[in-house]
Protein backbone atom coordinates (compact mmCIF):
# COMPACT_ATOMS: atom_id res chain seq x y z
CA MET A 1 -173.82 -81.12 -22.46
CA LYS A 2 -171.50 -79.77 -25.11
CA ILE A 3 -174.42 -78.91 -27.40
CA LEU A 4 -176.29 -77.27 -24.53
CA LYS A 5 -173.22 -75.29 -23.56
CA SER A 6 -172.79 -74.10 -27.13
CA LEU A 7 -176.41 -73.02 -27.31
CA LEU A 8 -176.20 -71.06 -24.07
CA ILE A 9 -173.01 -69.38 -25.17
CA MET A 10 -174.46 -68.43 -28.53
CA LEU A 11 -177.46 -66.95 -26.80
CA SER A 12 -175.11 -64.70 -24.86
CA LEU A 13 -173.43 -63.71 -28.11
CA SER A 14 -176.66 -62.56 -29.69
CA SER A 15 -177.05 -59.16 -31.27
CA VAL A 16 -177.98 -56.82 -28.45
CA ALA A 17 -178.93 -53.36 -29.55
CA TYR A 18 -181.07 -50.65 -28.04
CA SER A 19 -183.65 -50.30 -25.28
CA GLN A 20 -186.23 -48.29 -27.21
CA ASN A 21 -189.93 -48.66 -26.40
CA TYR A 22 -191.01 -49.78 -29.85
CA TRP A 23 -193.42 -52.35 -28.37
CA LEU A 24 -195.67 -51.87 -25.36
CA PRO A 25 -197.02 -54.81 -23.27
CA GLN A 26 -200.82 -55.02 -23.22
CA PRO A 27 -203.30 -56.84 -20.96
CA SER A 28 -203.75 -60.48 -21.96
CA PRO A 29 -206.61 -62.83 -21.05
CA VAL A 30 -204.31 -65.90 -21.10
CA ASN A 31 -200.95 -67.02 -19.73
CA LYS A 32 -200.19 -69.78 -22.25
CA GLU A 33 -197.63 -69.40 -25.02
CA LEU A 34 -199.10 -67.64 -28.08
CA ARG A 35 -197.46 -68.84 -31.30
CA LYS A 36 -199.43 -67.65 -34.35
CA CYS A 37 -201.66 -64.70 -35.19
CA LEU A 38 -203.90 -63.76 -38.10
CA PHE A 39 -206.00 -60.71 -39.00
CA VAL A 40 -208.56 -60.96 -41.80
CA ASP A 41 -209.19 -57.20 -41.83
CA SER A 42 -208.62 -54.12 -39.69
CA LEU A 43 -210.94 -55.37 -36.91
CA TYR A 44 -211.07 -59.17 -36.72
CA GLY A 45 -208.05 -61.16 -35.62
CA TRP A 46 -207.05 -64.33 -33.76
CA ALA A 47 -204.00 -65.67 -31.93
CA ILE A 48 -203.43 -69.33 -31.00
CA GLY A 49 -200.96 -71.28 -28.91
CA ASP A 50 -200.36 -73.97 -26.32
CA SER A 51 -203.01 -75.94 -24.42
CA GLY A 52 -205.72 -75.27 -26.99
CA THR A 53 -205.49 -71.51 -26.48
CA VAL A 54 -207.48 -69.29 -28.87
CA ILE A 55 -208.09 -65.56 -28.38
CA ARG A 56 -209.99 -63.18 -30.66
CA THR A 57 -210.38 -59.45 -31.21
CA THR A 58 -213.22 -57.72 -33.04
CA ASN A 59 -211.94 -54.17 -32.59
CA GLY A 60 -208.48 -54.21 -34.11
CA GLY A 61 -206.68 -55.59 -31.06
CA ASN A 62 -207.92 -53.12 -28.45
CA ASN A 63 -209.52 -56.00 -26.55
CA TRP A 64 -209.01 -59.77 -26.67
CA THR A 65 -211.36 -62.51 -25.46
CA VAL A 66 -210.77 -66.23 -24.93
CA GLN A 67 -212.55 -68.72 -27.20
CA ASN A 68 -213.31 -72.34 -26.30
CA SER A 69 -211.42 -74.55 -28.74
CA GLY A 70 -212.52 -77.72 -26.96
CA VAL A 71 -208.99 -79.18 -27.06
CA PHE A 72 -207.37 -77.97 -23.86
CA SER A 73 -204.32 -80.25 -23.99
CA PHE A 74 -203.49 -79.78 -27.68
CA GLU A 75 -200.76 -77.62 -29.20
CA LEU A 76 -202.34 -75.38 -31.83
CA ARG A 77 -199.92 -75.04 -34.77
CA ASP A 78 -201.53 -72.82 -37.43
CA LEU A 79 -204.76 -71.10 -38.40
CA SER A 80 -206.50 -69.84 -41.54
CA PHE A 81 -209.52 -67.57 -41.94
CA PRO A 82 -210.60 -66.60 -45.48
CA ASP A 83 -213.26 -64.33 -43.92
CA ARG A 84 -214.57 -63.28 -40.51
CA ASN A 85 -216.77 -66.32 -39.97
CA ASN A 86 -215.03 -69.33 -41.48
CA GLY A 87 -211.78 -70.57 -40.01
CA TRP A 88 -209.59 -73.64 -39.54
CA ILE A 89 -206.93 -74.53 -36.99
CA VAL A 90 -204.48 -77.42 -37.27
CA CYS A 91 -203.36 -78.94 -33.97
CA VAL A 92 -201.57 -82.00 -32.63
CA ASP A 93 -202.57 -84.16 -29.66
CA SER A 94 -200.38 -85.98 -27.13
CA MET A 95 -200.23 -89.04 -29.41
CA GLN A 96 -198.88 -86.91 -32.29
CA LYS A 97 -202.08 -87.18 -34.29
CA THR A 98 -203.36 -84.23 -36.27
CA LEU A 99 -206.76 -82.74 -35.55
CA VAL A 100 -208.30 -80.06 -37.78
CA LEU A 101 -210.70 -77.65 -36.05
CA ARG A 102 -213.31 -75.70 -38.00
CA THR A 103 -215.57 -72.78 -37.12
CA THR A 104 -218.36 -71.19 -39.14
CA ASN A 105 -219.24 -68.56 -36.56
CA SER A 106 -216.02 -66.61 -36.05
CA GLY A 107 -214.73 -69.04 -33.42
CA THR A 108 -217.69 -68.95 -31.05
CA SER A 109 -217.69 -72.73 -31.42
CA TRP A 110 -215.25 -75.19 -32.97
CA ALA A 111 -215.75 -78.71 -34.34
CA GLY A 112 -212.81 -81.07 -34.82
CA SER A 113 -212.01 -84.08 -36.95
CA TYR A 114 -208.83 -86.13 -37.07
CA PHE A 115 -206.91 -86.19 -40.32
CA PRO A 116 -207.63 -89.56 -41.96
CA GLU A 117 -203.94 -90.47 -42.36
CA THR A 118 -203.02 -90.84 -38.68
CA SER A 119 -199.27 -91.11 -39.31
CA MET A 120 -199.13 -87.55 -40.69
CA ILE A 121 -198.21 -84.65 -38.42
CA PHE A 122 -199.26 -81.30 -39.88
CA ASN A 123 -198.41 -77.79 -38.73
CA ALA A 124 -199.48 -75.48 -41.57
CA ILE A 125 -202.91 -74.89 -43.09
CA TYR A 126 -204.28 -72.41 -45.64
CA PHE A 127 -207.76 -71.89 -47.10
CA ARG A 128 -208.35 -69.69 -50.12
CA ASN A 129 -212.11 -69.74 -49.57
CA ASN A 130 -214.73 -71.73 -47.68
CA LEU A 131 -214.10 -74.87 -49.74
CA THR A 132 -210.55 -74.95 -51.11
CA GLY A 133 -207.71 -75.48 -48.66
CA TYR A 134 -204.27 -77.02 -48.24
CA ILE A 135 -202.41 -78.65 -45.37
CA THR A 136 -198.77 -79.69 -44.91
CA GLY A 137 -196.25 -80.51 -42.20
CA TYR A 138 -193.45 -82.80 -41.08
CA SER A 139 -193.69 -85.29 -43.92
CA GLY A 140 -193.33 -82.49 -46.46
CA ARG A 141 -196.35 -83.81 -48.33
CA VAL A 142 -199.16 -81.43 -49.32
CA TYR A 143 -202.85 -82.35 -49.22
CA LYS A 144 -205.77 -80.45 -50.78
CA THR A 145 -209.47 -80.26 -50.00
CA THR A 146 -212.27 -78.86 -52.17
CA ASP A 147 -215.11 -79.44 -49.70
CA GLY A 148 -213.99 -77.46 -46.66
CA GLY A 149 -211.91 -80.23 -45.15
CA SER A 150 -214.34 -83.16 -45.25
CA HIS A 151 -212.06 -84.98 -47.68
CA TRP A 152 -208.37 -84.54 -48.47
CA SER A 153 -206.26 -85.80 -51.40
CA GLU A 154 -202.48 -85.80 -51.75
CA CYS A 155 -200.96 -83.44 -54.31
CA GLY A 156 -198.40 -84.40 -56.93
CA TYR A 157 -194.70 -83.51 -56.91
CA ASP A 158 -192.00 -82.91 -59.48
CA THR A 159 -189.26 -85.21 -58.23
CA THR A 160 -186.54 -83.76 -60.48
CA GLY A 161 -185.92 -80.77 -58.22
CA CYS A 162 -184.67 -80.33 -54.68
CA PHE A 163 -185.56 -82.40 -51.61
CA TYR A 164 -189.34 -82.16 -51.56
CA PHE A 165 -190.28 -84.51 -48.70
CA ILE A 166 -188.83 -82.13 -46.11
CA PRO A 167 -190.89 -80.71 -43.20
CA LYS A 168 -192.93 -77.63 -44.14
CA ASN A 169 -193.78 -74.75 -41.81
CA ASP A 170 -196.03 -72.47 -43.86
CA ILE A 171 -198.21 -72.51 -46.97
CA PHE A 172 -199.75 -69.59 -48.87
CA PHE A 173 -201.41 -68.94 -52.22
CA ILE A 174 -201.13 -65.63 -54.06
CA ASN A 175 -203.97 -66.50 -56.45
CA ASP A 176 -206.11 -69.49 -57.44
CA GLN A 177 -203.24 -71.22 -59.25
CA THR A 178 -199.97 -70.11 -57.66
CA GLY A 179 -198.90 -71.05 -54.16
CA TYR A 180 -195.80 -71.61 -52.03
CA THR A 181 -194.94 -73.81 -49.09
CA VAL A 182 -191.67 -73.49 -47.16
CA GLY A 183 -189.72 -75.43 -44.56
CA GLY A 184 -186.49 -77.30 -44.05
CA VAL A 185 -184.28 -79.24 -41.68
CA LEU A 186 -181.95 -77.69 -39.11
CA ASP A 187 -178.31 -77.58 -40.20
CA PHE A 188 -179.22 -79.14 -43.53
CA GLN A 189 -181.49 -77.23 -45.88
CA GLY A 190 -184.15 -74.57 -46.33
CA VAL A 191 -186.67 -75.44 -49.05
CA ALA A 192 -189.48 -73.71 -50.94
CA MET A 193 -192.02 -75.56 -53.08
CA LYS A 194 -194.12 -73.77 -55.69
CA THR A 195 -197.24 -74.74 -57.62
CA THR A 196 -198.78 -73.02 -60.62
CA THR A 197 -201.51 -75.63 -61.02
CA ALA A 198 -203.68 -74.94 -57.95
CA GLY A 199 -201.70 -77.55 -56.01
CA ALA A 200 -202.01 -80.38 -58.52
CA ASN A 201 -198.21 -80.47 -58.79
CA TRP A 202 -195.39 -78.90 -56.75
CA PHE A 203 -191.77 -78.19 -57.64
CA ALA A 204 -189.13 -77.84 -54.90
CA GLN A 205 -186.13 -75.48 -54.72
CA CYS A 206 -183.27 -75.58 -52.19
CA ILE A 207 -182.72 -71.89 -51.49
CA ALA A 208 -181.43 -71.40 -47.94
CA ALA A 209 -178.98 -72.79 -45.41
CA GLU A 210 -181.59 -73.34 -42.69
CA PRO A 211 -185.37 -73.91 -42.38
CA LEU A 212 -187.82 -71.28 -43.64
CA ASN A 213 -190.88 -70.46 -41.53
CA GLN A 214 -193.15 -68.00 -43.34
CA VAL A 215 -194.19 -66.78 -46.79
CA ILE A 216 -195.37 -63.22 -47.49
CA TYR A 217 -196.58 -61.89 -50.85
CA ARG A 218 -196.48 -58.14 -51.46
CA GLY A 219 -197.95 -57.89 -54.94
CA GLY A 220 -196.34 -57.90 -58.37
CA ASN A 221 -193.65 -60.55 -58.63
CA ASN A 222 -192.27 -60.14 -55.11
CA VAL A 223 -192.35 -62.97 -52.57
CA TYR A 224 -190.53 -62.89 -49.23
CA LEU A 225 -189.44 -65.74 -46.93
CA MET A 226 -187.86 -65.79 -43.47
CA GLY A 227 -186.59 -68.43 -41.07
CA GLY A 228 -183.46 -69.39 -39.17
CA ASP A 229 -182.01 -71.71 -36.55
CA TYR A 230 -180.20 -71.86 -33.22
CA ASP A 231 -176.70 -70.99 -34.42
CA LEU A 232 -176.76 -69.22 -37.80
CA GLY A 233 -179.52 -66.88 -36.67
CA SER A 234 -182.35 -65.36 -38.69
CA ILE A 235 -182.33 -65.69 -42.48
CA LEU A 236 -184.30 -64.46 -45.48
CA ALA A 237 -184.85 -65.24 -49.14
CA VAL A 238 -186.41 -62.89 -51.68
CA THR A 239 -187.63 -63.30 -55.25
CA THR A 240 -188.64 -60.58 -57.68
CA ASN A 241 -189.81 -63.02 -60.37
CA LEU A 242 -192.30 -65.18 -58.42
CA GLY A 243 -189.69 -67.76 -57.52
CA SER A 244 -187.85 -68.45 -60.77
CA ASN A 245 -184.83 -67.71 -58.63
CA TRP A 246 -184.23 -66.53 -55.07
CA VAL A 247 -181.62 -64.37 -53.35
CA TYR A 248 -180.63 -65.66 -49.91
CA ASP A 249 -179.18 -63.61 -47.05
CA THR A 250 -178.77 -63.51 -43.28
CA THR A 251 -180.02 -60.64 -41.11
CA GLY A 252 -177.07 -60.59 -38.72
CA CYS A 253 -179.54 -60.86 -35.82
CA PHE A 254 -179.38 -63.98 -33.69
CA GLY A 255 -182.59 -65.96 -33.26
CA ASN A 256 -185.10 -67.81 -35.43
CA ALA A 257 -187.48 -65.62 -37.45
CA THR A 258 -190.74 -67.46 -36.72
CA GLY A 259 -192.94 -64.64 -38.02
CA PHE A 260 -192.54 -61.33 -39.85
CA SER A 261 -194.68 -58.50 -41.18
CA PHE A 262 -194.37 -55.30 -43.23
CA ARG A 263 -195.30 -52.10 -41.39
CA THR A 264 -194.86 -50.03 -44.54
CA SER A 265 -193.76 -50.89 -48.07
CA SER A 266 -190.15 -50.60 -46.92
CA GLU A 267 -190.15 -51.39 -43.18
CA VAL A 268 -190.22 -55.01 -41.98
CA TRP A 269 -190.30 -56.47 -38.47
CA ALA A 270 -189.38 -60.09 -37.67
CA ALA A 271 -190.03 -61.94 -34.39
CA LEU A 272 -186.87 -63.78 -33.31
CA ASN A 273 -188.45 -66.26 -30.91
CA PHE A 274 -186.02 -67.63 -28.28
CA ASN A 275 -183.61 -64.71 -28.64
CA ARG A 276 -186.20 -62.35 -27.09
CA SER A 277 -185.70 -59.70 -29.72
CA MET A 278 -186.95 -58.52 -33.10
CA ALA A 279 -185.11 -57.69 -36.29
CA VAL A 280 -186.15 -54.64 -38.29
CA ASN A 281 -185.23 -53.70 -41.87
CA LEU A 282 -185.95 -50.32 -43.45
CA ASN A 283 -185.17 -51.25 -47.05
CA ALA A 284 -187.94 -53.69 -48.06
CA MET A 285 -185.79 -56.74 -47.23
CA VAL A 286 -183.37 -56.06 -50.08
CA PRO A 287 -180.62 -58.68 -49.65
CA GLY A 288 -177.48 -57.08 -48.28
CA SER A 289 -179.34 -54.22 -46.60
CA LEU A 290 -179.04 -53.50 -42.89
CA TRP A 291 -181.10 -55.30 -40.24
CA GLN A 292 -181.17 -53.94 -36.71
CA CYS A 293 -181.77 -56.04 -33.61
CA ILE A 294 -184.23 -54.61 -31.08
CA PRO A 295 -184.69 -56.31 -27.66
CA ASP A 296 -188.23 -57.32 -26.72
CA PRO A 297 -189.68 -55.61 -23.62
CA ASN A 298 -189.75 -57.52 -20.33
CA ASN A 299 -187.57 -60.30 -21.79
CA ILE A 300 -190.54 -61.69 -23.75
CA ALA A 301 -189.90 -64.31 -26.43
CA VAL A 302 -192.00 -63.09 -29.37
CA ASN A 303 -193.22 -65.75 -31.81
CA ASP A 304 -195.31 -63.80 -34.31
CA VAL A 305 -195.97 -60.24 -35.40
CA HIS A 306 -198.61 -58.62 -37.60
CA PHE A 307 -199.19 -55.06 -38.78
CA ILE A 308 -202.77 -54.15 -39.63
CA ASN A 309 -201.54 -50.88 -41.12
CA SER A 310 -198.56 -48.53 -40.76
CA THR A 311 -199.60 -47.36 -37.28
CA LYS A 312 -201.16 -50.43 -35.71
CA GLY A 313 -199.20 -53.62 -35.10
CA TRP A 314 -199.40 -56.56 -32.69
CA ALA A 315 -196.95 -59.20 -31.48
CA PHE A 316 -197.52 -62.37 -29.45
CA GLY A 317 -195.29 -64.61 -27.40
CA SER A 318 -194.33 -66.33 -24.18
CA GLY A 319 -196.65 -66.39 -21.18
CA GLY A 320 -199.60 -65.17 -23.27
CA ALA A 321 -197.80 -61.91 -23.98
CA ILE A 322 -199.51 -59.36 -26.25
CA LEU A 323 -197.46 -56.40 -27.44
CA LYS A 324 -198.73 -53.31 -29.22
CA TYR A 325 -196.57 -51.28 -31.57
CA ASN A 326 -195.79 -47.87 -30.10
CA GLU A 327 -197.22 -45.28 -32.50
CA ALA A 328 -195.21 -42.57 -30.74
CA MET A 329 -192.08 -43.96 -32.43
CA ILE A 330 -193.38 -42.92 -35.87
CA SER A 331 -192.80 -39.47 -37.36
CA VAL A 332 -195.38 -37.51 -39.36
CA GLY A 333 -193.96 -38.94 -42.58
CA GLY A 334 -194.50 -42.49 -41.38
CA GLU A 335 -190.83 -43.22 -40.65
CA HIS A 336 -189.17 -43.96 -37.34
CA ASN A 337 -188.20 -40.89 -35.34
CA ASN A 338 -185.07 -42.39 -33.85
CA LEU A 339 -184.36 -45.93 -35.01
CA PRO A 340 -180.59 -46.10 -34.42
CA ILE A 341 -178.10 -47.25 -37.02
CA ARG A 342 -174.68 -47.49 -35.42
CA ALA A 343 -172.78 -50.38 -36.98
CA ILE A 344 -173.02 -53.00 -39.72
CA LEU A 345 -171.28 -56.38 -39.77
CA HIS A 346 -171.16 -57.96 -43.21
CA GLN A 347 -171.02 -61.66 -44.02
CA ASN A 348 -167.42 -62.79 -44.38
CA TYR A 349 -166.15 -63.45 -47.89
CA PRO A 350 -165.48 -66.01 -49.14
CA ASN A 351 -167.71 -68.29 -47.09
CA PRO A 352 -167.04 -71.20 -46.80
CA PHE A 353 -163.33 -70.36 -46.88
CA ASN A 354 -159.81 -71.83 -46.74
CA PRO A 355 -157.48 -70.59 -45.41
CA GLN A 356 -158.29 -66.85 -45.45
CA THR A 357 -161.48 -64.83 -45.32
CA ILE A 358 -162.26 -61.12 -45.13
CA ILE A 359 -164.54 -59.67 -42.46
CA ARG A 360 -165.97 -56.25 -43.33
CA TYR A 361 -167.77 -53.83 -41.03
CA GLU A 362 -169.07 -50.26 -41.08
CA LEU A 363 -169.34 -47.63 -38.36
CA ARG A 364 -171.80 -44.74 -38.32
CA SER A 365 -170.16 -43.11 -35.28
CA SER A 366 -166.77 -43.17 -33.55
CA SER A 367 -166.28 -46.22 -31.37
CA GLU A 368 -163.90 -48.71 -29.81
CA VAL A 369 -163.99 -51.84 -31.97
CA LYS A 370 -163.21 -55.48 -31.22
CA ILE A 371 -163.86 -58.55 -33.38
CA VAL A 372 -163.70 -61.95 -31.68
CA VAL A 373 -163.81 -65.36 -33.39
CA TYR A 374 -165.34 -68.27 -31.42
CA ASP A 375 -165.47 -71.99 -32.06
CA LEU A 376 -168.59 -74.12 -31.56
CA THR A 377 -167.89 -74.58 -27.84
CA GLY A 378 -167.77 -70.83 -27.30
CA LYS A 379 -163.98 -70.76 -26.91
CA GLU A 380 -162.28 -67.61 -28.15
CA VAL A 381 -159.84 -68.60 -30.91
CA TYR A 382 -158.80 -65.21 -32.30
CA THR A 383 -159.30 -61.53 -31.48
CA PHE A 384 -158.89 -58.37 -33.57
CA ASN A 385 -158.46 -55.41 -31.21
CA GLU A 386 -159.15 -52.57 -33.64
CA GLY A 387 -159.07 -49.80 -31.08
CA GLU A 388 -160.78 -46.45 -31.64
CA LYS A 389 -162.23 -46.11 -35.14
CA GLN A 390 -163.86 -43.15 -36.88
CA PRO A 391 -167.05 -43.50 -38.97
CA GLY A 392 -166.31 -45.43 -42.15
CA LYS A 393 -165.87 -48.85 -43.78
CA TYR A 394 -163.22 -51.29 -42.53
CA SER A 395 -162.10 -54.87 -43.00
CA VAL A 396 -159.86 -57.46 -41.34
CA THR A 397 -158.40 -60.65 -42.78
CA LEU A 398 -158.63 -63.88 -40.80
CA ASN A 399 -155.95 -66.50 -41.48
CA SER A 400 -157.23 -69.90 -40.37
CA SER A 401 -154.15 -71.99 -41.10
CA ASP A 402 -154.08 -73.25 -37.51
CA PHE A 403 -157.84 -73.88 -37.27
CA ALA A 404 -159.69 -77.14 -37.84
CA SER A 405 -162.51 -77.43 -40.35
CA SER A 406 -165.68 -76.42 -38.53
CA VAL A 407 -168.34 -73.77 -38.01
CA TYR A 408 -167.09 -70.59 -36.32
CA TYR A 409 -168.73 -67.39 -35.09
CA TYR A 410 -167.36 -63.89 -35.40
CA GLN A 411 -168.63 -61.11 -33.18
CA LEU A 412 -168.32 -57.36 -33.68
CA THR A 413 -168.46 -55.30 -30.48
CA THR A 414 -168.67 -51.50 -30.58
CA SER A 415 -170.05 -48.88 -28.22
CA GLY A 416 -173.60 -50.08 -27.60
CA VAL A 417 -173.80 -52.68 -30.38
CA THR A 418 -172.91 -56.37 -30.50
CA ILE A 419 -173.47 -58.36 -33.71
CA THR A 420 -172.66 -62.03 -34.32
CA LYS A 421 -172.46 -63.98 -37.59
CA LYS A 422 -171.56 -67.50 -38.65
CA MET A 423 -168.83 -68.70 -41.01
CA VAL A 424 -167.63 -72.10 -42.20
CA LEU A 425 -164.03 -73.28 -42.63
CA LEU A 426 -163.61 -76.18 -45.08
CA LYS A 427 -160.15 -77.66 -45.53
């Protein structure tokens, strides 16, 4: 009950921002949860979810039709289409066995085969072409096929690095040789594994505080990761040297980033799942830059988001929800007409801390300001009543001499903006 209470309280402390119509609900042919989406080009796309649900568009999302997966009681976890016709879906049955579905006709029909190792539960799949593919999941192990999935062999691992047998949530290759798979364990570690040998061997790096859910490659040496959990909120990690090192940061938006997509080279949207909101960044996910938290329409929990181009984007979520990006929110120059930026709450420093830490915030307009510190049960343990503040940069110092070692949350409340972040006291 205590854990449940904490979760409910933290949900109420989430970053609530602005009721702009950035996303517009669209007609949906299904009412089951939609969890993952994929577009292979500007016209063909798929979304999958609970109860064997598969829907497809052939006109860029204007219309969606239901496809018969043949597995009506299965949870569909991930999908991969290297082209319009050939695709794979990984799903799990009620006995926790993994079934891999394959289509060669754009999903008109699907054929399934159980993964030969029945103790393995997989939830991420990726095919570079019609023959070469990779699969991974809860065991953290990676398997490769070179015959379209008829046979699979386990990859090798460099055991000198980080924890490598940790559950993985996504896998992606940027070329024939170099690929990444990411995952982690709640309240323990976020991990990325990289291969430069076409999957023959993988090396793991511990790079985040919580699990990572998706990999995106944007060309050059830039790779982007996002994830999160139920208390810290959404997180990101970025590399500009193909993963030789990573820079980790939090968005300041509550929720778990289960999917994200670039609208432009600088603007990024992340679906925050249970928090029923999205996080948006206008600075190409540069660590330390501002993320804004935008509520989803109709209280929809969005699980995945994908932009086909700078004007056309789609999001998918609870109850079969399909959302279309509102093109009216974009100016002639391709930027948002009125995306509000009112306040910024920075990560406390140092963190972890003992006994003092500094909490910094910024205001873009005059506002009444209050900062409240909560413990894990949601009890208020300290309050900074800052009063009326003019636009500018400010800071407060928290003295925790009377606090016990634990995780705490600090919440900034201004006129129209509430932002919550996590900090750790270690004595």
